[in-house]
Amino acid sequence: MEGKKKTQEAERTSDRPSVTGDAPMTRGESRGKAKARLRVAKAYKMYVGGAFVRSESGRYFQVESAKGHADADADVVNVPRGSRKDVRDAVLAAKNALGGWEKRTPFNRGQILYRLAEVMESRRAELVESIARAGGALEDAEREVEAAIDRAVYYAGWADKVSGVVASHNPVSGPHFGFSLPEPMGVVCVLAPERPSLLGLLSTTLPVITGGNTCVALASAEDPRTAIVFSECLATSDLPGGVLNVLTGHADELAPVMAKHREVIAIDAWLVDADLRAKVQAEGADNVKRVKVRVPMDPDSWLDERRGQGLSWIERHLETKTVWHPMGV
C-alpha cells in the first residue's frame, strides 16, 4: 500500500509546474504549435449513368492551371482519360435511360432543363472560376457562364413546343388523314468543341436531350475540369441518370470508338483535325450511322443567339414518323 501511495503522489507531482518556472502550455498555444490542416483536394471524375466514375483503365492525363492563376486545388491535376470500355459503359447507360426519358412529357423535360439552369445559377461563381483557371479572362468567363445558363433556359422553353412547330398535317388525296410527327432518334454521341469549354458543351448536348434523345458527350480536353463542374450541376438537378453522360479524354482515341458503336444512332462531332474528321465519317458510314462532322466555330459565334442556338439544333436529332388515319365511317 505504501508503494502505491508513493506512485500516486509522483503522478500528482508530475502534473504541477516545474520548479524552474516553466508553465504548462495553454489551449491556444497548443493550437498554434499544431500542424496546419491539409485541405481535401478535389478528385476529378467522369459522369456516367448518374454517378461519378474513374476511368475503367485507371489512366489519367494532366491539366495545368493558367499561369498567374491562384488555383485552390493545384497547379497540375489529374483528370480521367476515358477508354474504349468507358465509351461502352456510357452508351449502355444512355440506352437504358432512353425509354424513360423519351416517355416523359415534353413539359416535364422542360421543367427538368429549367431546374438545371437554376442549379447552374447557384454555382455561377464556381463555373466562372473554373473557366478563368483554364486561361480565360475573367470578363469573358462571366459572359460565357451567363450565356450557358441562358441557353439552358432557352431549350427548357423549347421542350414542349417542338412538336407543335415541327409536326404537320399532310394534304393527301384519299379518304384518310396524314400526320407527320417528330420522334427522338436514340443514343447520340457528341464530341464537344475545345473552346468555349462550357458553352460549347451545353450548346451541342442540350438540343439532343431536349428532343427526347439520350447523349454521351466527350468534353474539351483543353479544359475538362469545367465540364466536370457542369456534371456536378447535372447530378444535383432532376435530370435522370444516364440521360447525359460526360466523358473526359482524347478525341483521337475515343471518336472512332463512338463512330463504330452500333448502339449509337448518330454522332455530332466538332473536330479540328481533318484526318480525324475523315476517319469518323468512314467509321460511321460503315454501320449506317447519321454523322455530322463540323469544323468548330470561333468562340464569339457560340455567343451569337442567331448561330449558337435554335430549333434547327433540335431538329437535326429527330426522326419524322408519318401516321395515316382513315376518316369517315
Protein backbone atom coordinates (compact mmCIF):
# COMPACT_ATOMS: atom_id res chain seq x y z
CA MET A 1 0.00 0.00 0.00
CA GLU A 2 2.83 2.36 0.86
CA GLY A 3 4.37 1.81 -2.61
CA LYS A 4 1.05 2.58 -4.30
CA LYS A 5 0.69 5.87 -2.37
CA LYS A 6 4.18 6.93 -3.45
CA THR A 7 3.32 6.23 -7.10
CA GLN A 8 0.11 8.30 -6.94
CA GLU A 9 1.99 11.13 -5.25
CA ALA A 10 4.62 11.05 -8.01
CA GLU A 11 1.90 11.28 -10.69
CA ARG A 12 0.30 14.29 -8.98
CA THR A 13 3.67 15.96 -8.62
CA SER A 14 4.43 15.50 -12.35
CA ASP A 15 1.27 17.47 -13.25
CA ARG A 16 2.45 20.57 -11.34
CA PRO A 17 4.50 23.36 -12.97
CA SER A 18 8.21 22.68 -12.78
CA VAL A 19 10.27 24.48 -10.17
CA THR A 20 12.24 26.13 -12.96
CA GLY A 21 9.28 28.39 -13.73
CA ASP A 22 8.09 26.71 -16.99
CA ALA A 23 4.28 26.91 -17.05
CA PRO A 24 2.20 24.32 -18.96
CA MET A 25 1.03 25.36 -22.46
CA THR A 26 -2.41 26.90 -22.68
CA ARG A 27 -5.01 25.54 -25.13
CA GLY A 28 -4.42 28.45 -27.55
CA GLU A 29 -0.67 27.87 -27.52
CA SER A 30 -1.10 24.16 -28.24
CA ARG A 31 -3.29 25.03 -31.25
CA GLY A 32 -0.67 27.41 -32.58
CA LYS A 33 2.00 24.73 -32.45
CA ALA A 34 -0.23 22.13 -34.19
CA LYS A 35 0.42 21.29 -37.84
CA ALA A 36 -1.51 23.21 -40.49
CA ARG A 37 -4.55 21.29 -41.77
CA LEU A 38 -4.31 19.79 -45.25
CA ARG A 39 -7.41 20.66 -47.27
CA VAL A 40 -9.26 17.93 -49.13
CA ALA A 41 -8.21 18.15 -52.78
CA LYS A 42 -10.87 17.75 -55.45
CA ALA A 43 -10.90 14.40 -57.24
CA TYR A 44 -11.97 14.85 -60.86
CA LYS A 45 -14.15 12.08 -62.27
CA MET A 46 -16.28 11.39 -65.32
CA TYR A 47 -20.07 11.39 -65.12
CA VAL A 48 -21.72 8.17 -66.35
CA GLY A 49 -25.17 6.83 -65.53
CA GLY A 50 -25.78 9.46 -62.86
CA ALA A 51 -22.59 8.60 -60.94
CA PHE A 52 -19.04 9.93 -60.86
CA VAL A 53 -16.58 7.29 -62.00
CA ARG A 54 -12.88 6.90 -62.64
CA SER A 55 -11.66 5.60 -65.96
CA GLU A 56 -12.00 1.84 -66.24
CA SER A 57 -8.39 1.72 -67.47
CA GLY A 58 -7.11 3.65 -64.47
CA ARG A 59 -5.39 6.15 -66.77
CA TYR A 60 -5.23 9.89 -66.25
CA PHE A 61 -3.92 12.89 -68.13
CA GLN A 62 -2.62 16.07 -66.54
CA VAL A 63 -4.18 19.51 -66.86
CA GLU A 64 -2.33 22.65 -65.86
CA SER A 65 -3.81 25.85 -64.49
CA ALA A 66 -3.17 29.07 -66.35
CA LYS A 67 -0.03 30.93 -65.37
CA GLY A 68 -0.64 33.55 -62.72
CA HIS A 69 -3.90 31.96 -61.58
CA ALA A 70 -4.14 31.10 -57.89
CA ASP A 71 -5.57 27.62 -58.19
CA ALA A 72 -7.20 26.42 -54.99
CA ASP A 73 -6.51 22.77 -55.88
CA ALA A 74 -3.09 22.61 -57.51
CA ASP A 75 -1.12 23.88 -60.48
CA VAL A 76 -1.41 20.44 -62.13
CA VAL A 77 -4.28 17.99 -61.60
CA ASN A 78 -5.07 14.51 -62.88
CA VAL A 79 -8.21 14.05 -64.99
CA PRO A 80 -9.53 10.61 -66.05
CA ARG A 81 -8.52 9.54 -69.54
CA GLY A 82 -11.53 7.71 -70.94
CA SER A 83 -11.06 4.38 -72.68
CA ARG A 84 -12.97 2.18 -75.14
CA LYS A 85 -14.64 0.43 -72.18
CA ASP A 86 -15.74 3.78 -70.73
CA VAL A 87 -17.46 4.62 -74.03
CA ARG A 88 -19.27 1.28 -73.97
CA ASP A 89 -20.37 1.83 -70.36
CA ALA A 90 -21.64 5.34 -71.16
CA VAL A 91 -23.54 4.18 -74.24
CA LEU A 92 -25.15 1.38 -72.21
CA ALA A 93 -26.20 3.88 -69.53
CA ALA A 94 -27.66 6.16 -72.21
CA LYS A 95 -29.52 3.26 -73.83
CA ASN A 96 -31.02 2.16 -70.52
CA ALA A 97 -32.18 5.72 -69.79
CA LEU A 98 -33.70 6.28 -73.25
CA GLY A 99 -37.04 4.58 -72.66
CA GLY A 100 -37.89 6.56 -69.54
CA TRP A 101 -36.65 9.87 -70.91
CA GLU A 102 -38.49 9.77 -74.23
CA LYS A 103 -41.73 8.76 -72.47
CA ARG A 104 -41.69 11.80 -70.21
CA THR A 105 -43.96 14.58 -71.32
CA PRO A 106 -42.21 17.39 -73.20
CA PHE A 107 -43.43 19.76 -70.50
CA ASN A 108 -41.70 17.68 -67.82
CA ARG A 109 -38.46 17.61 -69.82
CA GLY A 110 -38.67 21.40 -69.98
CA GLN A 111 -39.11 21.60 -66.21
CA ILE A 112 -36.04 19.45 -65.68
CA LEU A 113 -33.91 21.59 -68.01
CA TYR A 114 -35.10 24.71 -66.22
CA ARG A 115 -34.07 23.12 -62.92
CA LEU A 116 -30.62 22.55 -64.44
CA ALA A 117 -30.42 26.27 -65.20
CA GLU A 118 -31.35 27.01 -61.57
CA VAL A 119 -28.53 24.81 -60.29
CA MET A 120 -26.05 26.41 -62.68
CA GLU A 121 -27.13 29.84 -61.48
CA SER A 122 -26.47 28.81 -57.88
CA ARG A 123 -22.95 27.65 -58.86
CA ARG A 124 -22.26 30.53 -61.20
CA ALA A 125 -19.17 31.76 -59.32
CA GLU A 126 -17.59 28.29 -59.36
CA LEU A 127 -18.16 27.90 -63.11
CA VAL A 128 -16.64 31.33 -63.78
CA GLU A 129 -13.64 30.48 -61.62
CA SER A 130 -13.16 27.17 -63.45
CA ILE A 131 -13.10 28.79 -66.90
CA ALA A 132 -10.73 31.51 -65.71
CA ARG A 133 -8.47 28.84 -64.20
CA ALA A 134 -8.15 27.29 -67.66
CA GLY A 135 -6.84 30.52 -69.13
CA GLY A 136 -9.90 32.59 -69.96
CA ALA A 137 -10.16 36.24 -68.99
CA LEU A 138 -12.47 36.77 -66.02
CA GLU A 139 -14.79 39.04 -68.00
CA ASP A 140 -15.02 36.51 -70.85
CA ALA A 141 -15.63 33.70 -68.36
CA GLU A 142 -18.54 35.61 -66.84
CA ARG A 143 -20.07 36.20 -70.27
CA GLU A 144 -19.72 32.53 -71.18
CA VAL A 145 -21.35 31.29 -67.97
CA GLU A 146 -24.23 33.74 -68.32
CA ALA A 147 -24.77 32.65 -71.93
CA ALA A 148 -24.65 28.98 -70.89
CA ILE A 149 -27.31 29.47 -68.20
CA ASP A 150 -29.49 31.42 -70.63
CA ARG A 151 -29.07 28.62 -73.19
CA ALA A 152 -30.36 26.06 -70.70
CA VAL A 153 -33.42 28.24 -70.11
CA TYR A 154 -33.83 28.63 -73.88
CA TYR A 155 -34.01 24.90 -74.53
CA ALA A 156 -36.21 24.39 -71.48
CA GLY A 157 -38.69 26.69 -73.18
CA TRP A 158 -38.48 24.79 -76.47
CA ALA A 159 -39.09 21.34 -74.96
CA ASP A 160 -42.90 21.43 -75.10
CA LYS A 161 -43.10 23.47 -78.31
CA VAL A 162 -41.03 21.41 -80.74
CA SER A 163 -43.80 19.01 -81.69
CA GLY A 164 -46.33 21.80 -82.22
CA VAL A 165 -43.97 23.64 -84.56
CA VAL A 166 -42.41 20.71 -86.43
CA ALA A 167 -45.42 18.37 -86.70
CA SER A 168 -47.68 18.78 -89.72
CA HIS A 169 -50.97 17.71 -91.24
CA ASN A 170 -50.18 16.48 -94.72
CA PRO A 171 -52.54 17.17 -97.62
CA VAL A 172 -53.41 13.81 -99.18
CA SER A 173 -55.82 12.66 -101.84
CA GLY A 174 -57.88 9.88 -100.36
CA PRO A 175 -60.25 9.03 -97.50
CA HIS A 176 -57.65 9.41 -94.75
CA PHE A 177 -55.59 11.91 -92.79
CA GLY A 178 -51.79 12.09 -92.85
CA PHE A 179 -49.83 13.39 -89.89
CA SER A 180 -46.05 13.79 -89.57
CA LEU A 181 -44.72 13.78 -86.00
CA PRO A 182 -41.15 14.20 -84.64
CA GLU A 183 -39.63 11.41 -82.58
CA PRO A 184 -36.26 11.02 -80.82
CA MET A 185 -33.60 9.04 -82.64
CA GLY A 186 -31.96 7.24 -79.72
CA VAL A 187 -28.44 7.46 -78.30
CA VAL A 188 -26.44 10.36 -79.76
CA CYS A 189 -22.69 10.92 -79.22
CA VAL A 190 -21.33 14.46 -79.15
CA LEU A 191 -17.70 15.50 -79.49
CA ALA A 192 -17.86 18.96 -77.97
CA PRO A 193 -15.65 21.81 -79.22
CA GLU A 194 -12.49 22.58 -77.28
CA ARG A 195 -13.48 26.22 -76.82
CA PRO A 196 -15.65 27.56 -75.34
CA SER A 197 -15.49 24.61 -72.98
CA LEU A 198 -18.78 25.19 -71.12
CA LEU A 199 -20.97 26.99 -73.65
CA GLY A 200 -19.82 24.67 -76.43
CA LEU A 201 -20.70 21.61 -74.36
CA LEU A 202 -24.17 22.90 -73.47
CA SER A 203 -24.93 24.17 -76.98
CA THR A 204 -24.23 20.75 -78.51
CA THR A 205 -25.77 18.45 -75.87
CA LEU A 206 -28.91 20.23 -74.65
CA PRO A 207 -30.61 20.20 -78.08
CA VAL A 208 -30.03 16.44 -78.18
CA ILE A 209 -31.81 15.73 -74.89
CA THR A 210 -34.48 18.39 -75.41
CA GLY A 211 -35.96 16.29 -78.20
CA GLY A 212 -36.06 13.14 -76.05
CA ASN A 213 -32.73 11.54 -77.04
CA THR A 214 -30.03 10.50 -74.59
CA CYS A 215 -26.45 11.60 -75.02
CA VAL A 216 -22.82 10.62 -74.48
CA ALA A 217 -20.52 13.64 -74.69
CA LEU A 218 -16.75 13.91 -74.85
CA ALA A 219 -15.74 17.12 -73.10
CA SER A 220 -12.99 19.53 -74.07
CA ALA A 221 -9.53 18.11 -73.46
CA GLU A 222 -8.14 21.62 -73.02
CA ASP A 223 -10.49 22.41 -70.14
CA PRO A 224 -12.10 19.19 -68.85
CA ARG A 225 -12.41 20.49 -65.29
CA THR A 226 -15.18 22.91 -66.24
CA ALA A 227 -17.13 20.05 -67.82
CA ILE A 228 -16.79 18.11 -64.55
CA VAL A 229 -18.10 21.08 -62.56
CA PHE A 230 -21.02 21.19 -65.00
CA SER A 231 -21.54 17.46 -64.42
CA GLU A 232 -21.94 18.23 -60.72
CA CYS A 233 -24.78 20.55 -61.73
CA LEU A 234 -26.34 17.66 -63.66
CA ALA A 235 -26.04 15.39 -60.62
CA THR A 236 -27.86 17.85 -58.35
CA SER A 237 -30.60 18.68 -60.85
CA ASP A 238 -33.62 16.49 -61.62
CA LEU A 239 -32.08 15.03 -64.80
CA PRO A 240 -32.32 11.22 -64.61
CA GLY A 241 -29.02 9.34 -64.57
CA GLY A 242 -27.84 8.23 -67.99
CA VAL A 243 -29.65 10.92 -69.99
CA LEU A 244 -26.48 13.00 -70.35
CA ASN A 245 -23.12 11.30 -69.75
CA VAL A 246 -19.86 13.28 -69.79
CA LEU A 247 -16.52 11.61 -70.59
CA THR A 248 -13.06 13.16 -70.48
CA GLY A 249 -10.15 12.08 -72.63
CA HIS A 250 -8.67 12.47 -76.10
CA ALA A 251 -10.81 12.76 -79.23
CA ASP A 252 -8.34 10.92 -81.46
CA GLU A 253 -8.74 7.87 -79.23
CA LEU A 254 -12.47 7.95 -78.42
CA ALA A 255 -14.09 9.46 -81.53
CA PRO A 256 -13.55 6.38 -83.75
CA VAL A 257 -14.89 4.16 -80.95
CA MET A 258 -18.07 6.22 -80.77
CA ALA A 259 -18.45 6.13 -84.55
CA LYS A 260 -18.07 2.34 -84.59
CA HIS A 261 -20.52 1.60 -81.80
CA ARG A 262 -23.68 0.09 -83.28
CA GLU A 263 -25.94 1.22 -80.43
CA VAL A 264 -25.10 4.85 -81.24
CA ILE A 265 -27.62 6.14 -83.77
CA ALA A 266 -25.91 9.45 -84.55
CA ILE A 267 -22.73 11.37 -83.87
CA ASP A 268 -22.24 15.12 -83.82
CA ALA A 269 -18.51 15.85 -83.93
CA TRP A 270 -16.79 19.24 -83.70
CA LEU A 271 -13.23 18.43 -84.69
CA VAL A 272 -10.31 20.49 -85.93
CA ASP A 273 -8.15 17.65 -87.27
CA ALA A 274 -9.13 16.88 -90.88
CA ASP A 275 -7.79 13.31 -90.76
CA LEU A 276 -9.82 12.53 -87.66
CA ARG A 277 -12.94 14.03 -89.24
CA ALA A 278 -12.50 11.75 -92.26
CA LYS A 279 -11.95 8.72 -90.03
CA VAL A 280 -15.12 9.40 -88.02
CA GLN A 281 -17.14 9.78 -91.22
CA ALA A 282 -15.79 6.50 -92.61
CA GLU A 283 -16.41 4.55 -89.40
CA GLY A 284 -19.93 5.96 -89.09
CA ALA A 285 -20.79 5.14 -92.70
CA ASP A 286 -19.73 1.55 -92.16
CA ASN A 287 -22.68 0.96 -89.78
CA VAL A 288 -25.10 3.43 -91.45
CA LYS A 289 -24.91 5.97 -88.65
CA ARG A 290 -26.04 9.56 -89.07
CA VAL A 291 -22.77 11.50 -88.88
CA LYS A 292 -22.35 15.26 -88.75
CA VAL A 293 -18.72 16.33 -88.63
CA ARG A 294 -18.19 20.06 -88.28
CA VAL A 295 -15.31 22.49 -88.07
CA PRO A 296 -15.66 24.34 -84.73
CA MET A 297 -16.94 27.90 -84.85
CA ASP A 298 -14.97 30.76 -83.34
CA PRO A 299 -15.79 31.42 -79.65
CA ASP A 300 -17.80 34.58 -80.38
CA SER A 301 -20.12 32.68 -82.72
CA TRP A 302 -21.24 30.45 -79.85
CA LEU A 303 -22.36 33.56 -78.01
CA ASP A 304 -24.40 34.68 -81.02
CA GLU A 305 -28.02 33.71 -80.38
CA ARG A 306 -28.67 33.53 -84.13
CA ARG A 307 -25.91 30.97 -84.73
CA GLY A 308 -25.32 29.13 -81.45
CA GLN A 309 -28.88 28.03 -80.78
CA GLY A 310 -32.19 27.46 -82.49
CA LEU A 311 -34.90 24.99 -83.45
CA SER A 312 -32.68 23.54 -86.18
CA TRP A 313 -30.26 22.32 -83.48
CA ILE A 314 -33.07 20.20 -82.03
CA GLU A 315 -34.47 19.06 -85.39
CA ARG A 316 -31.17 17.57 -86.55
CA HIS A 317 -31.55 14.85 -83.91
CA LEU A 318 -35.18 13.95 -84.57
CA GLU A 319 -36.83 11.42 -86.87
CA THR A 320 -40.16 12.05 -88.58
CA LYS A 321 -42.93 9.47 -88.24
CA THR A 322 -45.91 9.68 -90.60
CA VAL A 323 -49.23 8.29 -89.40
CA TRP A 324 -52.20 7.56 -91.71
CA HIS A 325 -55.69 7.60 -90.23
CA PRO A 326 -58.92 6.76 -92.06
CA MET A 327 -61.72 9.29 -91.97
CA GLY A 328 -65.43 8.80 -92.25
CA VAL A 329 -67.48 5.87 -91.08
